[in-house]
Structure formats: structure tokens, C-alpha cells
Amino acid sequence: NIPKSAAKVICAKMKSDISDDMPKILQDANVPPEKWTLIYALVAGKILPLSVECIQMIEEYKVAPSQERGFLSVEGQRNQLFDPKESKVLKISMLHSNLALVALSVSGRVNAILKEYGVMAVVAYDSIDFRSKYQYNTLKIPTGFHFY
């Protein structure tokens, strides 16, 4: 079950027919279709699965009820009430950090592929609003590339 917002991100970035998706800038630079297929596969196989997972975790967090039940015990500090829902924030943060590293790694590979054609790829991000108990954030979720 992928949330509608995650499905929307995927549909906006990756269409079903790969041959129609090659950006004009890549066509103008004479990038072969097999190179585009490789780039497409890197995005679809490495970036988008983590993007969907991150968006899904955010959507689940948004609808989960708060429950101040447990106590958090930290060495040197006294016990504090702890909302188990907030432990998901840590998971979302770790996944988001991993996603950023994967996108950076894929970006290097894509730029290595495109170097000989004089085209540069920059990670494209979608913004997702995310409010935890303590702060409001707009997370930038990597979803593909812009080409220049």
C-alpha cells in the first residue's frame, strides 16, 4: 500500500514508457538510448524505492495517534514521559539520511555516464511537509535528476 502522495511522486518522475521519457537535453547531446536506460534503471532501482519508503513512513507518522505512555530513561537524566510515536521520527531521519547518501552516490555514477556528452545531472527533490511533536520540517526527498 503506497500512499497517494508517494505514488504521485513516482508517476511524476518515472513514466511507464521509457523510450518517451528521455529528456530533450539528452537527446540533443546525442546520449545513446542504452545510456538513458541505465540512468533510468539507477533512479528506479536505487533512489525511488527509498523515496517511497521514506514518504510512506512520513504518511504513517502523520496519521498515527500520539500516546504518552512510556518513560525514557537516559543516563544522567531523570525519567521523562516519552511518546512512542516520536521514535518514528528517528527512523524517518535515519532513512532520509541514507536516502541522501544513495542519491549522492547515484548522482556520481550518472555524471560519470554523461561526462563525455557534456551534460550534468543534479539531484531533483520533492518537498514533503513533516511536523513532529517538537518542530515543523519540510523534508527534501530525492526523486530523480535535472539535467543541464
Protein backbone atom coordinates (compact mmCIF):
# COMPACT_ATOMS: atom_id res chain seq x y z
CA ASN A 1 0.00 0.00 0.00
CA ILE A 2 1.79 3.06 -1.26
CA PRO A 3 0.23 6.35 -0.12
CA LYS A 4 -1.21 8.52 -2.87
CA SER A 5 1.48 11.15 -2.33
CA ALA A 6 4.23 8.56 -2.87
CA ALA A 7 2.52 7.20 -5.97
CA LYS A 8 2.17 10.77 -7.23
CA VAL A 9 5.91 11.35 -6.82
CA ILE A 10 6.73 8.18 -8.74
CA CYS A 11 4.30 8.90 -11.55
CA ALA A 12 5.62 12.42 -11.90
CA LYS A 13 9.23 11.25 -12.14
CA MET A 14 9.10 7.92 -13.94
CA LYS A 15 6.60 7.18 -16.69
CA SER A 16 5.76 3.71 -17.92
CA ASP A 17 7.27 4.03 -21.40
CA ILE A 18 10.99 4.64 -21.03
CA SER A 19 11.58 5.49 -24.70
CA ASP A 20 9.30 8.54 -24.46
CA ASP A 21 10.94 9.73 -21.25
CA MET A 22 14.42 10.68 -22.49
CA PRO A 23 14.80 14.39 -21.73
CA LYS A 24 15.31 16.65 -24.74
CA ILE A 25 18.67 17.86 -23.42
CA LEU A 26 19.96 14.27 -23.50
CA GLN A 27 18.57 13.75 -26.99
CA ASP A 28 20.22 17.00 -28.16
CA ALA A 29 23.54 15.83 -26.67
CA ASN A 30 23.24 12.53 -28.60
CA VAL A 31 23.18 10.38 -25.47
CA PRO A 32 22.51 6.82 -26.68
CA PRO A 33 19.23 5.21 -25.57
CA GLU A 34 21.13 2.47 -23.72
CA LYS A 35 22.86 5.11 -21.55
CA TRP A 36 19.47 6.66 -20.77
CA THR A 37 18.11 3.19 -19.92
CA LEU A 38 20.99 2.72 -17.47
CA ILE A 39 20.32 6.11 -15.83
CA TYR A 40 16.62 5.33 -15.67
CA ALA A 41 17.34 1.96 -14.06
CA LEU A 42 19.62 3.56 -11.46
CA VAL A 43 16.90 6.01 -10.44
CA ALA A 44 14.15 3.39 -10.48
CA GLY A 45 16.24 0.78 -8.67
CA LYS A 46 18.26 2.79 -6.16
CA ILE A 47 16.54 6.12 -5.40
CA LEU A 48 12.81 5.60 -5.84
CA PRO A 49 12.39 2.56 -3.55
CA LEU A 50 13.94 4.50 -0.66
CA SER A 51 11.97 7.64 -1.58
CA VAL A 52 8.72 5.69 -1.47
CA GLU A 53 9.67 4.09 1.84
CA CYS A 54 10.53 7.48 3.35
CA ILE A 55 7.30 9.07 2.11
CA GLN A 56 5.33 6.09 3.37
CA MET A 57 6.89 6.41 6.84
CA ILE A 58 6.05 10.11 6.91
CA GLU A 59 2.45 9.43 5.89
CA GLU A 60 2.13 6.74 8.57
CA TYR A 61 3.59 9.11 11.16
CA LYS A 62 1.09 11.83 10.23
CA VAL A 63 -1.92 9.60 10.89
CA ALA A 64 -0.58 7.75 13.96
CA PRO A 65 -2.12 8.89 17.25
CA SER A 66 0.12 10.30 19.96
CA GLN A 67 0.47 8.15 23.04
CA GLU A 68 2.32 9.45 26.06
CA ARG A 69 2.71 6.13 27.84
CA GLY A 70 6.30 5.16 28.28
CA PHE A 71 9.22 6.66 30.12
CA LEU A 72 12.52 7.49 28.51
CA SER A 73 15.48 6.85 30.74
CA VAL A 74 18.72 8.49 29.70
CA GLU A 75 21.85 8.03 31.79
CA GLY A 76 22.50 11.09 33.92
CA GLN A 77 19.00 12.49 33.41
CA ARG A 78 15.78 11.78 35.20
CA ASN A 79 12.98 9.86 33.53
CA GLN A 80 10.75 11.78 31.16
CA LEU A 81 7.44 10.93 29.56
CA PHE A 82 8.10 9.55 26.10
CA ASP A 83 5.70 9.41 23.16
CA PRO A 84 6.40 6.17 21.23
CA LYS A 85 5.19 7.94 18.10
CA GLU A 86 8.24 10.18 18.31
CA SER A 87 10.56 7.17 17.97
CA LYS A 88 9.38 7.05 14.35
CA VAL A 89 10.95 10.48 13.85
CA LEU A 90 14.36 8.93 14.46
CA LYS A 91 13.63 6.16 11.94
CA ILE A 92 12.46 8.71 9.37
CA SER A 93 15.59 10.82 9.97
CA MET A 94 17.91 7.84 9.51
CA LEU A 95 16.13 6.70 6.35
CA HIS A 96 16.19 10.24 4.97
CA SER A 97 19.94 10.49 5.64
CA ASN A 98 20.54 7.14 3.94
CA LEU A 99 18.42 8.25 1.01
CA ALA A 100 20.50 11.42 0.63
CA LEU A 101 23.71 9.34 0.57
CA VAL A 102 22.29 6.94 -2.02
CA ALA A 103 21.17 9.86 -4.20
CA LEU A 104 24.64 11.39 -3.97
CA SER A 105 26.23 8.08 -4.95
CA VAL A 106 23.87 7.60 -7.90
CA SER A 107 24.49 11.21 -8.93
CA GLY A 108 28.21 10.45 -9.23
CA ARG A 109 27.51 7.41 -11.38
CA VAL A 110 25.07 9.30 -13.61
CA ASN A 111 27.51 12.17 -14.08
CA ALA A 112 30.26 9.68 -14.98
CA ILE A 113 27.95 8.24 -17.66
CA LEU A 114 27.08 11.69 -19.04
CA LYS A 115 30.54 13.28 -18.82
CA GLU A 116 31.51 12.54 -22.42
CA TYR A 117 28.29 14.18 -23.67
CA GLY A 118 28.79 17.48 -21.83
CA VAL A 119 25.67 17.06 -19.72
CA MET A 120 25.49 17.31 -15.93
CA ALA A 121 22.90 15.70 -13.64
CA VAL A 122 21.75 17.31 -10.39
CA VAL A 123 19.50 15.52 -7.92
CA ALA A 124 15.84 16.59 -8.12
CA TYR A 125 13.90 16.81 -4.88
CA ASP A 126 10.25 16.86 -3.91
CA SER A 127 9.25 18.67 -0.72
CA ILE A 128 7.24 16.82 1.91
CA ASP A 129 5.83 18.70 4.89
CA PHE A 130 6.58 16.94 8.14
CA ARG A 131 5.61 18.09 11.61
CA SER A 132 6.89 16.24 14.63
CA LYS A 133 5.81 16.98 18.18
CA TYR A 134 8.69 19.41 18.60
CA GLN A 135 9.23 21.07 15.24
CA TYR A 136 7.97 21.60 11.72
CA ASN A 137 10.13 20.48 8.81
CA THR A 138 9.98 20.33 5.07
CA LEU A 139 11.99 17.30 4.00
CA LYS A 140 13.54 17.25 0.56
CA ILE A 141 13.06 13.77 -0.86
CA PRO A 142 15.32 12.81 -3.82
CA THR A 143 13.15 11.57 -6.68
CA GLY A 144 15.27 11.82 -9.83
CA PHE A 145 17.54 14.21 -11.71
CA HIS A 146 17.58 17.52 -13.51
CA PHE A 147 19.94 17.66 -16.49
CA TYR A 148 21.95 20.70 -17.55
